[in-house]
Amino acid sequence: MESFYYSYLLKSYDRKNKCLISGLSCDYKKTLPYFVADVKKKYPDVDVVECIVIKNDEDSFRKEYVDILILWKADDEVLAV
């Protein structure tokens, strides 16, 4: 039986696609709101916050990158106002 767990790599970028800050979490629901709020507060020029979903195999060092999600985009917030 295969045993695995998911981890989440949260990253933020400015308009020049420079990585501003990143963080790794195993608890997506608790971490996400604080990460987005902190990034927006510390880096007003943030353009995109994304999440890379990683499937980790507990029996080996194998990692599989499952998905990349755009969690927040500055343009979307401007359009919503």
N, C-alpha and C. Protein backbone atom coordinates (compact mmCIF):
# COMPACT_ATOMS: atom_id res chain seq x y z
N MET A 1 0.83 -1.17 0.00
CA MET A 1 0.00 0.00 0.00
C MET A 1 0.89 1.25 0.00
N GLU A 2 0.56 2.15 -0.87
CA GLU A 2 1.34 3.39 -1.00
C GLU A 2 0.90 4.39 0.07
N SER A 3 1.88 4.92 0.79
CA SER A 3 1.55 5.95 1.78
C SER A 3 2.23 7.26 1.37
N PHE A 4 1.47 8.31 1.39
CA PHE A 4 1.99 9.61 0.97
C PHE A 4 1.25 10.71 1.73
N TYR A 5 1.79 11.91 1.61
CA TYR A 5 1.14 13.09 2.17
C TYR A 5 1.39 14.26 1.23
N TYR A 6 0.60 15.29 1.38
CA TYR A 6 0.76 16.47 0.53
C TYR A 6 1.41 17.60 1.32
N SER A 7 2.25 18.35 0.64
CA SER A 7 2.77 19.59 1.19
C SER A 7 2.52 20.69 0.16
N TYR A 8 2.58 21.91 0.62
CA TYR A 8 2.20 23.04 -0.23
C TYR A 8 3.29 24.10 -0.18
N LEU A 9 3.84 24.42 -1.33
CA LEU A 9 4.86 25.46 -1.45
C LEU A 9 4.17 26.73 -1.91
N LEU A 10 4.13 27.72 -1.03
CA LEU A 10 3.49 29.00 -1.33
C LEU A 10 4.57 29.98 -1.76
N LYS A 11 4.34 30.66 -2.90
CA LYS A 11 5.32 31.61 -3.42
C LYS A 11 4.61 32.88 -3.87
N SER A 12 5.32 33.99 -3.77
CA SER A 12 4.77 35.25 -4.27
C SER A 12 5.80 35.91 -5.18
N TYR A 13 5.29 36.60 -6.20
CA TYR A 13 6.13 37.23 -7.21
C TYR A 13 5.68 38.66 -7.45
N ASP A 14 6.64 39.51 -7.86
CA ASP A 14 6.28 40.86 -8.28
C ASP A 14 6.02 40.85 -9.79
N ARG A 15 5.76 42.02 -10.36
CA ARG A 15 5.43 42.10 -11.80
C ARG A 15 6.60 41.70 -12.70
N LYS A 16 7.81 41.75 -12.19
CA LYS A 16 8.99 41.34 -12.98
C LYS A 16 9.28 39.86 -12.81
N ASN A 17 8.37 39.15 -12.16
CA ASN A 17 8.47 37.71 -11.91
C ASN A 17 9.62 37.35 -10.97
N LYS A 18 9.97 38.29 -10.10
CA LYS A 18 10.99 38.05 -9.07
C LYS A 18 10.29 37.47 -7.84
N CYS A 19 10.82 36.38 -7.32
CA CYS A 19 10.22 35.76 -6.13
C CYS A 19 10.47 36.66 -4.92
N LEU A 20 9.40 37.06 -4.26
CA LEU A 20 9.51 37.93 -3.09
C LEU A 20 9.69 37.13 -1.81
N ILE A 21 8.87 36.10 -1.65
CA ILE A 21 8.93 35.27 -0.45
C ILE A 21 8.27 33.93 -0.77
N SER A 22 8.73 32.89 -0.08
CA SER A 22 8.11 31.57 -0.26
C SER A 22 8.07 30.87 1.09
N GLY A 23 7.18 29.92 1.20
CA GLY A 23 7.04 29.15 2.43
C GLY A 23 6.45 27.79 2.15
N LEU A 24 6.82 26.82 2.96
CA LEU A 24 6.34 25.45 2.81
C LEU A 24 5.41 25.12 3.96
N SER A 25 4.30 24.47 3.65
CA SER A 25 3.32 24.15 4.68
C SER A 25 2.69 22.79 4.42
N CYS A 26 2.29 22.13 5.48
CA CYS A 26 1.52 20.89 5.36
C CYS A 26 0.05 21.14 5.67
N ASP A 27 -0.27 22.34 6.16
CA ASP A 27 -1.66 22.68 6.49
C ASP A 27 -2.08 23.89 5.67
N TYR A 28 -2.58 23.62 4.51
CA TYR A 28 -2.94 24.65 3.54
C TYR A 28 -4.01 25.60 4.07
N LYS A 29 -5.04 25.08 4.68
CA LYS A 29 -6.17 25.90 5.11
C LYS A 29 -5.79 26.91 6.19
N LYS A 30 -4.91 26.54 7.11
CA LYS A 30 -4.51 27.46 8.17
C LYS A 30 -3.48 28.48 7.68
N THR A 31 -2.59 28.05 6.83
CA THR A 31 -1.48 28.89 6.40
C THR A 31 -1.86 29.92 5.35
N LEU A 32 -2.71 29.55 4.41
CA LEU A 32 -3.00 30.40 3.26
C LEU A 32 -3.47 31.81 3.60
N PRO A 33 -4.48 32.01 4.44
CA PRO A 33 -4.94 33.38 4.69
C PRO A 33 -3.85 34.27 5.29
N TYR A 34 -3.06 33.72 6.19
CA TYR A 34 -1.98 34.50 6.82
C TYR A 34 -0.87 34.80 5.82
N PHE A 35 -0.54 33.84 4.98
CA PHE A 35 0.52 34.03 3.99
C PHE A 35 0.15 35.16 3.03
N VAL A 36 -1.05 35.11 2.48
CA VAL A 36 -1.49 36.15 1.54
C VAL A 36 -1.54 37.51 2.22
N ALA A 37 -2.08 37.58 3.42
CA ALA A 37 -2.15 38.86 4.15
C ALA A 37 -0.77 39.41 4.45
N ASP A 38 0.15 38.57 4.90
CA ASP A 38 1.52 39.01 5.21
C ASP A 38 2.24 39.50 3.96
N VAL A 39 2.09 38.77 2.87
CA VAL A 39 2.76 39.16 1.63
C VAL A 39 2.24 40.51 1.16
N LYS A 40 0.94 40.70 1.18
CA LYS A 40 0.36 41.97 0.72
C LYS A 40 0.79 43.13 1.62
N LYS A 41 0.97 42.86 2.91
CA LYS A 41 1.39 43.90 3.85
C LYS A 41 2.88 44.25 3.69
N LYS A 42 3.73 43.22 3.60
CA LYS A 42 5.18 43.44 3.53
C LYS A 42 5.66 43.85 2.15
N TYR A 43 4.97 43.39 1.11
CA TYR A 43 5.39 43.64 -0.27
C TYR A 43 4.22 44.21 -1.05
N PRO A 44 4.00 45.52 -1.00
CA PRO A 44 2.86 46.12 -1.70
C PRO A 44 2.90 45.92 -3.22
N ASP A 45 4.09 45.64 -3.76
CA ASP A 45 4.20 45.45 -5.21
C ASP A 45 3.98 44.00 -5.63
N VAL A 46 3.46 43.16 -4.72
CA VAL A 46 3.20 41.76 -5.06
C VAL A 46 2.17 41.70 -6.19
N ASP A 47 2.42 40.81 -7.14
CA ASP A 47 1.52 40.66 -8.28
C ASP A 47 0.77 39.33 -8.23
N VAL A 48 1.46 38.25 -7.85
CA VAL A 48 0.86 36.91 -7.88
C VAL A 48 1.29 36.13 -6.64
N VAL A 49 0.35 35.40 -6.07
CA VAL A 49 0.65 34.42 -5.02
C VAL A 49 0.20 33.07 -5.58
N GLU A 50 1.12 32.11 -5.59
CA GLU A 50 0.78 30.80 -6.14
C GLU A 50 1.08 29.70 -5.14
N CYS A 51 0.50 28.55 -5.39
CA CYS A 51 0.69 27.38 -4.54
C CYS A 51 1.07 26.20 -5.42
N ILE A 52 2.16 25.55 -5.08
CA ILE A 52 2.57 24.32 -5.77
C ILE A 52 2.23 23.16 -4.84
N VAL A 53 1.37 22.27 -5.31
CA VAL A 53 0.96 21.11 -4.53
C VAL A 53 1.96 19.99 -4.78
N ILE A 54 2.53 19.45 -3.71
CA ILE A 54 3.57 18.42 -3.81
C ILE A 54 3.08 17.15 -3.13
N LYS A 55 3.13 16.06 -3.85
CA LYS A 55 2.79 14.75 -3.28
C LYS A 55 4.09 14.09 -2.85
N ASN A 56 4.22 13.81 -1.56
CA ASN A 56 5.44 13.24 -0.99
C ASN A 56 5.22 11.77 -0.64
N ASP A 57 6.11 10.92 -1.10
CA ASP A 57 6.06 9.50 -0.77
C ASP A 57 6.78 9.30 0.56
N GLU A 58 6.11 8.71 1.54
CA GLU A 58 6.71 8.54 2.87
C GLU A 58 7.83 7.50 2.88
N ASP A 59 7.83 6.58 1.93
CA ASP A 59 8.82 5.50 1.93
C ASP A 59 10.09 5.84 1.14
N SER A 60 10.10 6.96 0.47
CA SER A 60 11.28 7.33 -0.31
C SER A 60 11.37 8.85 -0.36
N PHE A 61 12.35 9.34 -1.08
CA PHE A 61 12.50 10.79 -1.22
C PHE A 61 11.79 11.31 -2.46
N ARG A 62 10.95 10.47 -3.06
CA ARG A 62 10.27 10.87 -4.29
C ARG A 62 9.23 11.94 -4.01
N LYS A 63 9.25 12.96 -4.87
CA LYS A 63 8.25 14.02 -4.80
C LYS A 63 7.66 14.20 -6.18
N GLU A 64 6.40 14.46 -6.21
CA GLU A 64 5.71 14.67 -7.47
C GLU A 64 4.97 16.00 -7.39
N TYR A 65 5.25 16.89 -8.34
CA TYR A 65 4.57 18.17 -8.37
C TYR A 65 3.23 17.98 -9.07
N VAL A 66 2.16 18.12 -8.32
CA VAL A 66 0.83 17.76 -8.79
C VAL A 66 0.14 18.91 -9.52
N ASP A 67 0.23 20.10 -8.97
CA ASP A 67 -0.53 21.21 -9.54
C ASP A 67 0.07 22.54 -9.10
N ILE A 68 -0.12 23.55 -9.91
CA ILE A 68 0.25 24.92 -9.55
C ILE A 68 -1.02 25.76 -9.64
N LEU A 69 -1.37 26.39 -8.55
CA LEU A 69 -2.60 27.18 -8.49
C LEU A 69 -2.27 28.65 -8.26
N ILE A 70 -2.91 29.54 -9.01
CA ILE A 70 -2.81 30.97 -8.73
C ILE A 70 -3.84 31.27 -7.65
N LEU A 71 -3.38 31.66 -6.48
CA LEU A 71 -4.27 31.90 -5.35
C LEU A 71 -4.77 33.33 -5.29
N TRP A 72 -3.95 34.25 -5.71
CA TRP A 72 -4.30 35.67 -5.65
C TRP A 72 -3.53 36.39 -6.73
N LYS A 73 -4.18 37.32 -7.41
CA LYS A 73 -3.52 38.12 -8.44
C LYS A 73 -3.96 39.57 -8.26
N ALA A 74 -3.00 40.49 -8.32
CA ALA A 74 -3.28 41.90 -8.08
C ALA A 74 -4.33 42.43 -9.06
N ASP A 75 -4.25 42.04 -10.32
CA ASP A 75 -5.21 42.51 -11.33
C ASP A 75 -6.63 42.14 -10.96
N ASP A 76 -6.82 40.96 -10.40
CA ASP A 76 -8.16 40.51 -10.02
C ASP A 76 -8.74 41.39 -8.91
N GLU A 77 -7.89 41.78 -7.97
CA GLU A 77 -8.36 42.63 -6.87
C GLU A 77 -8.73 44.01 -7.38
N VAL A 78 -7.95 44.54 -8.31
CA VAL A 78 -8.23 45.86 -8.88
C VAL A 78 -9.55 45.82 -9.65
N LEU A 79 -9.77 44.75 -10.41
CA LEU A 79 -11.01 44.63 -11.18
C LEU A 79 -12.23 44.47 -10.28
N ALA A 80 -12.05 43.91 -9.10
CA ALA A 80 -13.17 43.66 -8.20
C ALA A 80 -13.63 44.93 -7.47
N VAL A 81 -12.79 45.95 -7.45
CA VAL A 81 -13.13 47.18 -6.71
C VAL A 81 -14.09 48.04 -7.50
